[in-house]
N, C-alpha and C. Protein backbone atom coordinates (compact mmCIF):
# COMPACT_ATOMS: atom_id res chain seq x y z
N MET A 1 0.53 -1.59 0.11
CA MET A 1 0.16 -0.46 -0.18
C MET A 1 0.89 1.38 -0.36
N TYR A 2 1.84 1.48 0.69
CA TYR A 2 3.16 2.45 1.00
C TYR A 2 3.17 2.74 -0.69
N TYR A 3 3.81 2.02 -1.30
CA TYR A 3 3.89 2.17 -3.14
C TYR A 3 2.65 2.74 -3.89
N LEU A 4 2.26 2.54 -3.80
CA LEU A 4 0.39 3.20 -4.09
C LEU A 4 0.25 4.52 -3.53
N TRP A 5 0.76 4.43 -2.02
CA TRP A 5 0.25 6.06 -2.12
C TRP A 5 1.89 6.65 -2.25
N VAL A 6 2.52 6.12 -2.92
CA VAL A 6 4.55 6.93 -3.10
C VAL A 6 4.08 6.97 -4.59
N PHE A 7 3.45 5.86 -5.21
CA PHE A 7 3.11 6.38 -6.94
C PHE A 7 1.96 7.79 -6.99
N LEU A 8 0.71 7.42 -6.90
CA LEU A 8 0.57 8.67 -6.83
C LEU A 8 0.23 9.60 -6.06
N ILE A 9 0.61 10.18 -5.06
CA ILE A 9 0.94 11.35 -5.26
C ILE A 9 2.00 12.03 -5.97
N GLY A 10 3.78 10.47 -5.93
CA GLY A 10 4.33 11.65 -5.76
C GLY A 10 3.86 11.94 -7.88
N GLY A 11 3.23 10.87 -8.50
CA GLY A 11 2.86 10.99 -9.33
C GLY A 11 1.68 12.73 -10.24
N PHE A 12 1.01 12.98 -8.85
CA PHE A 12 0.40 14.26 -9.03
C PHE A 12 1.10 15.63 -8.74
N VAL A 13 2.38 15.75 -8.24
CA VAL A 13 3.03 16.55 -8.16
C VAL A 13 3.93 16.54 -9.53
N CYS A 14 4.00 15.43 -10.10
CA CYS A 14 5.17 15.85 -11.19
C CYS A 14 3.61 16.57 -12.28
N MET A 15 2.93 15.71 -12.16
CA MET A 15 1.32 15.63 -13.11
C MET A 15 1.19 17.09 -13.00
N LEU A 16 0.87 17.95 -12.48
CA LEU A 16 1.08 19.30 -11.88
C LEU A 16 2.16 20.43 -12.25
N GLY A 17 3.33 20.11 -12.19
CA GLY A 17 4.30 20.69 -12.52
C GLY A 17 4.03 20.64 -14.05
N GLN A 18 3.68 19.40 -15.24
CA GLN A 18 3.87 19.39 -16.63
C GLN A 18 2.37 19.61 -17.44
N VAL A 19 1.88 19.88 -16.30
CA VAL A 19 -0.13 20.99 -16.84
C VAL A 19 0.13 22.11 -16.78
N LEU A 20 1.19 22.32 -15.66
CA LEU A 20 2.05 24.40 -15.99
C LEU A 20 2.73 24.37 -16.28
N ILE A 21 3.63 23.19 -17.28
CA ILE A 21 4.46 23.80 -18.17
C ILE A 21 4.02 23.86 -19.54
N ILE A 22 2.31 22.80 -19.75
CA ILE A 22 1.79 23.01 -21.14
C ILE A 22 0.72 23.52 -21.41
N LYS A 23 0.37 23.82 -20.30
CA LYS A 23 -0.55 24.68 -20.83
C LYS A 23 -0.45 26.20 -20.50
N THR A 24 0.16 26.81 -19.99
CA THR A 24 1.03 28.02 -19.30
C THR A 24 2.26 28.15 -20.05
N ASN A 25 2.47 29.34 -19.98
CA ASN A 25 4.10 30.53 -20.26
C ASN A 25 4.82 30.46 -18.89
N ILE A 26 4.56 29.72 -17.77
CA ILE A 26 4.93 29.82 -16.70
C ILE A 26 7.04 29.16 -17.60
N THR A 27 8.34 29.20 -17.07
CA THR A 27 8.63 28.82 -17.29
C THR A 27 9.06 27.72 -16.44
N SER A 28 9.68 27.04 -16.78
CA SER A 28 10.52 25.74 -15.93
C SER A 28 10.44 26.25 -14.56
N ALA A 29 11.91 27.53 -14.49
CA ALA A 29 13.18 27.35 -12.91
C ALA A 29 11.87 28.43 -12.65
N ARG A 30 10.58 28.98 -13.40
CA ARG A 30 9.04 29.00 -12.23
C ARG A 30 8.67 28.51 -11.61
N ILE A 31 8.14 27.67 -12.23
CA ILE A 31 7.89 26.09 -11.13
C ILE A 31 8.68 25.55 -10.46
N LEU A 32 10.20 25.16 -10.77
CA LEU A 32 11.00 24.79 -10.28
C LEU A 32 10.25 25.20 -8.19
N VAL A 33 10.30 27.40 -8.45
CA VAL A 33 10.53 27.81 -7.69
C VAL A 33 9.68 28.00 -6.95
N THR A 34 8.48 28.20 -7.47
CA THR A 34 6.92 27.66 -6.93
C THR A 34 7.03 25.89 -6.04
N PHE A 35 7.58 25.13 -6.84
CA PHE A 35 7.32 23.93 -5.61
C PHE A 35 8.05 23.71 -4.84
N VAL A 36 9.22 24.38 -4.89
CA VAL A 36 10.25 24.83 -3.61
C VAL A 36 9.49 25.80 -2.16
N LEU A 37 8.75 26.70 -3.29
CA LEU A 37 8.17 27.35 -2.05
C LEU A 37 7.08 27.05 -1.28
N VAL A 38 6.18 25.49 -1.61
CA VAL A 38 4.69 25.48 -1.47
C VAL A 38 5.77 24.39 -0.60
N GLY A 39 7.03 23.82 -1.15
CA GLY A 39 7.67 22.80 0.11
C GLY A 39 7.78 23.34 1.93
N VAL A 40 8.23 25.18 1.70
CA VAL A 40 8.75 24.97 2.28
C VAL A 40 6.97 25.93 3.46
N ALA A 41 6.55 26.15 2.08
CA ALA A 41 5.04 26.45 2.93
C ALA A 41 4.87 25.94 4.49
N LEU A 42 3.87 24.34 3.53
CA LEU A 42 4.00 23.10 3.97
C LEU A 42 4.99 23.03 5.49
N GLU A 43 5.94 22.94 5.02
CA GLU A 43 6.97 23.10 6.35
C GLU A 43 7.04 23.73 7.45
N ALA A 44 7.19 25.25 7.25
CA ALA A 44 6.55 26.19 7.95
C ALA A 44 5.11 26.52 8.81
N PHE A 45 4.44 26.02 8.32
CA PHE A 45 2.59 25.51 8.39
C PHE A 45 2.51 24.57 9.45
N GLY A 46 3.41 23.40 9.07
CA GLY A 46 3.66 22.17 10.33
C GLY A 46 2.57 20.92 9.44
N LEU A 47 2.26 20.56 7.98
CA LEU A 47 1.64 20.16 7.51
C LEU A 47 2.34 18.89 6.34
N PHE A 48 3.96 19.54 6.18
CA PHE A 48 4.93 17.83 5.92
C PHE A 48 4.68 17.47 6.22
N ASP A 49 5.15 17.06 7.43
CA ASP A 49 5.55 15.57 8.43
C ASP A 49 3.86 14.73 7.79
N TYR A 50 2.86 15.90 8.17
CA TYR A 50 1.95 15.15 8.06
C TYR A 50 1.47 14.82 6.90
N ILE A 51 1.63 15.18 5.49
CA ILE A 51 1.63 14.53 4.67
C ILE A 51 2.44 13.72 4.32
N SER A 52 3.98 13.55 4.53
CA SER A 52 4.85 13.26 4.93
C SER A 52 4.74 11.55 5.19
N GLU A 53 3.91 11.51 6.28
CA GLU A 53 3.79 9.96 6.86
C GLU A 53 3.32 9.32 5.97
N PHE A 54 1.89 9.60 5.13
CA PHE A 54 1.65 8.65 4.21
C PHE A 54 1.81 9.06 3.10
N ALA A 55 2.62 10.32 2.38
CA ALA A 55 3.29 9.32 0.66
C ALA A 55 4.91 9.40 0.66
N ARG A 56 5.02 9.01 1.69
CA ARG A 56 6.29 8.84 2.22
C ARG A 56 7.66 9.60 1.09
N ALA A 57 8.18 8.79 -0.24
CA ALA A 57 9.42 9.24 -0.61
C ALA A 57 8.65 10.20 -1.51
N GLY A 58 6.83 9.97 -2.33
CA GLY A 58 5.80 11.03 -3.52
C GLY A 58 6.69 12.01 -3.12
N ILE A 59 6.34 12.61 -1.49
CA ILE A 59 6.62 14.00 -1.26
C ILE A 59 7.71 14.86 -0.76
N ASN A 60 8.68 13.44 -0.35
CA ASN A 60 9.49 13.08 -0.39
C ASN A 60 11.21 13.59 -1.00
N VAL A 61 10.97 13.57 -1.94
CA VAL A 61 11.92 12.55 -3.23
C VAL A 61 11.96 13.76 -4.49
N PRO A 62 10.76 14.44 -4.74
CA PRO A 62 10.49 15.80 -5.33
C PRO A 62 10.73 17.01 -4.90
N ILE A 63 11.14 17.97 -5.89
CA ILE A 63 11.77 19.69 -5.45
C ILE A 63 10.80 19.96 -4.06
N VAL A 64 9.47 19.63 -3.42
CA VAL A 64 8.67 20.27 -2.60
C VAL A 64 9.58 19.85 -1.80
N GLY A 65 9.88 18.35 -1.59
CA GLY A 65 10.66 17.80 -0.18
C GLY A 65 11.73 18.85 0.38
N PHE A 66 12.78 18.90 -0.35
CA PHE A 66 13.77 19.93 -0.78
C PHE A 66 13.21 21.14 -0.13
N GLY A 67 12.75 21.99 -0.18
CA GLY A 67 12.10 22.77 0.37
C GLY A 67 12.03 22.89 1.41
N ALA A 68 10.65 21.58 1.84
CA ALA A 68 10.82 21.17 3.69
C ALA A 68 11.64 20.61 3.78
N SER A 69 12.51 20.61 3.55
CA SER A 69 13.81 20.28 3.90
C SER A 69 15.16 21.67 4.75
N LEU A 70 15.37 22.73 3.40
CA LEU A 70 15.85 23.78 3.94
C LEU A 70 14.84 24.61 4.92
N ALA A 71 13.79 24.58 5.12
CA ALA A 71 12.77 25.34 5.92
C ALA A 71 12.92 24.82 7.16
N LYS A 72 12.86 22.98 6.91
CA LYS A 72 13.08 22.56 8.56
C LYS A 72 14.82 23.18 8.82
N GLY A 73 15.71 22.59 7.81
CA GLY A 73 16.75 23.56 8.83
C GLY A 73 17.25 24.68 9.00
N ALA A 74 16.00 25.97 8.33
CA ALA A 74 16.29 27.15 9.32
C ALA A 74 15.99 27.05 10.36
N ILE A 75 14.60 26.25 10.49
CA ILE A 75 14.17 26.54 11.58
C ILE A 75 14.85 26.17 13.03
N GLY A 76 15.49 24.82 12.94
CA GLY A 76 16.45 24.59 13.88
C GLY A 76 17.03 25.30 14.08
N ALA A 77 18.20 25.70 12.63
CA ALA A 77 19.35 26.45 13.20
C ALA A 77 18.98 27.27 14.15
N VAL A 78 17.32 28.22 14.05
CA VAL A 78 17.77 29.56 13.94
C VAL A 78 17.12 29.53 15.78
N LYS A 79 16.19 28.56 16.19
CA LYS A 79 16.52 27.55 17.96
C LYS A 79 17.58 27.83 17.78
N ALA A 80 18.79 27.28 17.48
CA ALA A 80 19.35 27.41 18.46
C ALA A 80 21.50 27.99 18.41
N LYS A 81 21.18 28.98 16.81
CA LYS A 81 22.00 29.80 16.90
C LYS A 81 21.32 30.78 17.01
N GLY A 82 20.08 31.33 16.09
CA GLY A 82 19.79 32.61 16.48
C GLY A 82 19.28 32.93 15.14
N LEU A 83 19.50 34.05 14.72
CA LEU A 83 18.82 34.67 13.45
C LEU A 83 20.21 33.86 12.24
N ILE A 84 21.43 33.93 12.29
CA ILE A 84 22.47 34.08 11.28
C ILE A 84 22.32 32.29 11.40
N GLY A 85 21.26 31.71 12.10
CA GLY A 85 20.58 30.35 11.58
C GLY A 85 19.74 30.51 10.51
N ALA A 86 19.02 31.15 10.48
CA ALA A 86 18.48 31.83 9.08
C ALA A 86 19.02 31.14 8.40
N PHE A 87 20.12 31.51 7.90
CA PHE A 87 20.69 32.15 6.47
C PHE A 87 21.57 30.67 6.02
N THR A 88 22.22 30.25 7.26
CA THR A 88 22.62 28.47 7.15
C THR A 88 22.02 27.97 7.10
N GLY A 89 21.02 27.81 8.15
CA GLY A 89 20.43 26.35 8.36
C GLY A 89 20.17 25.84 7.16
N GLY A 90 19.51 26.46 6.44
CA GLY A 90 18.96 25.29 5.04
C GLY A 90 20.54 24.73 4.39
N LEU A 91 20.68 25.38 4.21
CA LEU A 91 22.03 24.72 3.60
C LEU A 91 23.38 24.06 3.87
N GLU A 92 22.52 24.04 5.56
CA GLU A 92 23.73 22.79 6.38
C GLU A 92 22.76 22.01 5.95
N ALA A 93 21.29 21.42 6.29
CA ALA A 93 20.06 20.47 5.72
C ALA A 93 20.25 20.13 4.43
N THR A 94 20.97 20.68 3.23
CA THR A 94 20.17 20.53 2.30
C THR A 94 22.11 20.31 1.88
N ALA A 95 23.06 20.39 1.44
CA ALA A 95 24.58 20.61 1.45
C ALA A 95 24.80 19.48 0.27
N GLY A 96 24.05 17.86 1.54
CA GLY A 96 24.15 17.08 0.35
C GLY A 96 23.50 16.53 -0.95
N GLY A 97 22.41 17.40 -1.22
CA GLY A 97 21.65 17.33 -2.49
C GLY A 97 21.85 18.45 -2.74
N ILE A 98 22.22 19.56 -2.40
CA ILE A 98 22.86 20.82 -3.88
C ILE A 98 24.29 20.08 -3.87
N ALA A 99 24.60 19.59 -3.57
CA ALA A 99 26.72 19.00 -3.86
C ALA A 99 26.64 18.36 -5.35
N ALA A 100 25.76 17.23 -5.24
CA ALA A 100 24.76 16.58 -5.73
C ALA A 100 24.13 17.17 -7.45
N ALA A 101 23.42 18.20 -6.95
CA ALA A 101 22.40 18.86 -8.41
C ALA A 101 24.08 19.68 -8.63
N VAL A 102 25.16 20.66 -8.34
CA VAL A 102 25.37 20.89 -8.79
C VAL A 102 26.46 20.05 -9.52
N VAL A 103 27.33 18.78 -9.07
CA VAL A 103 27.66 18.29 -10.28
C VAL A 103 26.85 16.94 -10.91
N PHE A 104 25.63 17.11 -10.58
CA PHE A 104 25.34 16.06 -12.44
C PHE A 104 25.01 16.88 -13.47
N ALA A 105 24.73 18.56 -12.34
CA ALA A 105 24.05 19.24 -13.59
C ALA A 105 25.11 20.13 -14.92
N PHE A 106 26.20 19.84 -13.96
CA PHE A 106 27.86 20.43 -14.46
C PHE A 106 28.17 19.28 -15.56
N ILE A 107 28.35 17.46 -15.21
CA ILE A 107 28.20 16.37 -15.63
C ILE A 107 26.82 16.57 -17.50
N PHE A 108 25.35 16.73 -17.17
CA PHE A 108 24.80 16.72 -17.59
C PHE A 108 24.68 18.46 -19.45
N GLY A 109 25.41 18.97 -18.36
CA GLY A 109 26.53 20.43 -19.72
C GLY A 109 27.30 19.82 -19.93
N LEU A 110 27.97 19.08 -20.24
CA LEU A 110 28.87 18.94 -21.06
C LEU A 110 28.15 17.52 -21.54
N ILE A 111 27.64 17.03 -22.02
CA ILE A 111 27.55 15.76 -22.45
C ILE A 111 26.13 15.82 -23.75
N PHE A 112 24.89 17.21 -22.97
CA PHE A 112 23.63 17.95 -23.33
C PHE A 112 23.62 19.36 -24.19
N LYS A 113 23.27 19.56 -24.82
CA LYS A 113 23.01 20.87 -24.85
C LYS A 113 21.61 21.72 -25.22
N SER A 114 21.44 22.82 -23.86
CA SER A 114 19.96 22.73 -23.72
C SER A 114 19.61 23.67 -24.94
N LYS A 115 18.61 24.42 -24.69
CA LYS A 115 17.26 24.66 -25.78
C LYS A 115 16.34 25.49 -24.74
N THR A 116 15.90 26.40 -25.52
CA THR A 116 15.28 27.97 -24.15
C THR A 116 14.02 27.96 -24.73
N LYS A 117 12.67 27.43 -23.94
CA LYS A 117 11.36 27.61 -24.61
C LYS A 117 10.76 29.18 -25.03
N LYS A 118 10.51 28.94 -26.30
CA LYS A 118 9.76 29.48 -26.41
C LYS A 118 8.72 30.39 -26.69
């Protein structure tokens, strides 16, 4: 049953992104930022953990989960370090994901040629 929820929730998140790409003039970068901000908002209001309990990787793996991790790290660091934690906590919590994204972006940038949306 867990796999079904992961598939349905993750598929729904991906479907929303695809619908936004096809039906609107919103660029992929803005959709990406929107999904990160949705994750931050869900974590800030304390809703992300409830969704994550039944959706598991379906919500944690897409970019929404990355936004929630940024927010969770920043909130925890603010409690521990004060205001400076708001700037450092999110990066500390997501350093592995950021490093992987940079490395893979570099590799794929060498292999493929990018195209802009018309």
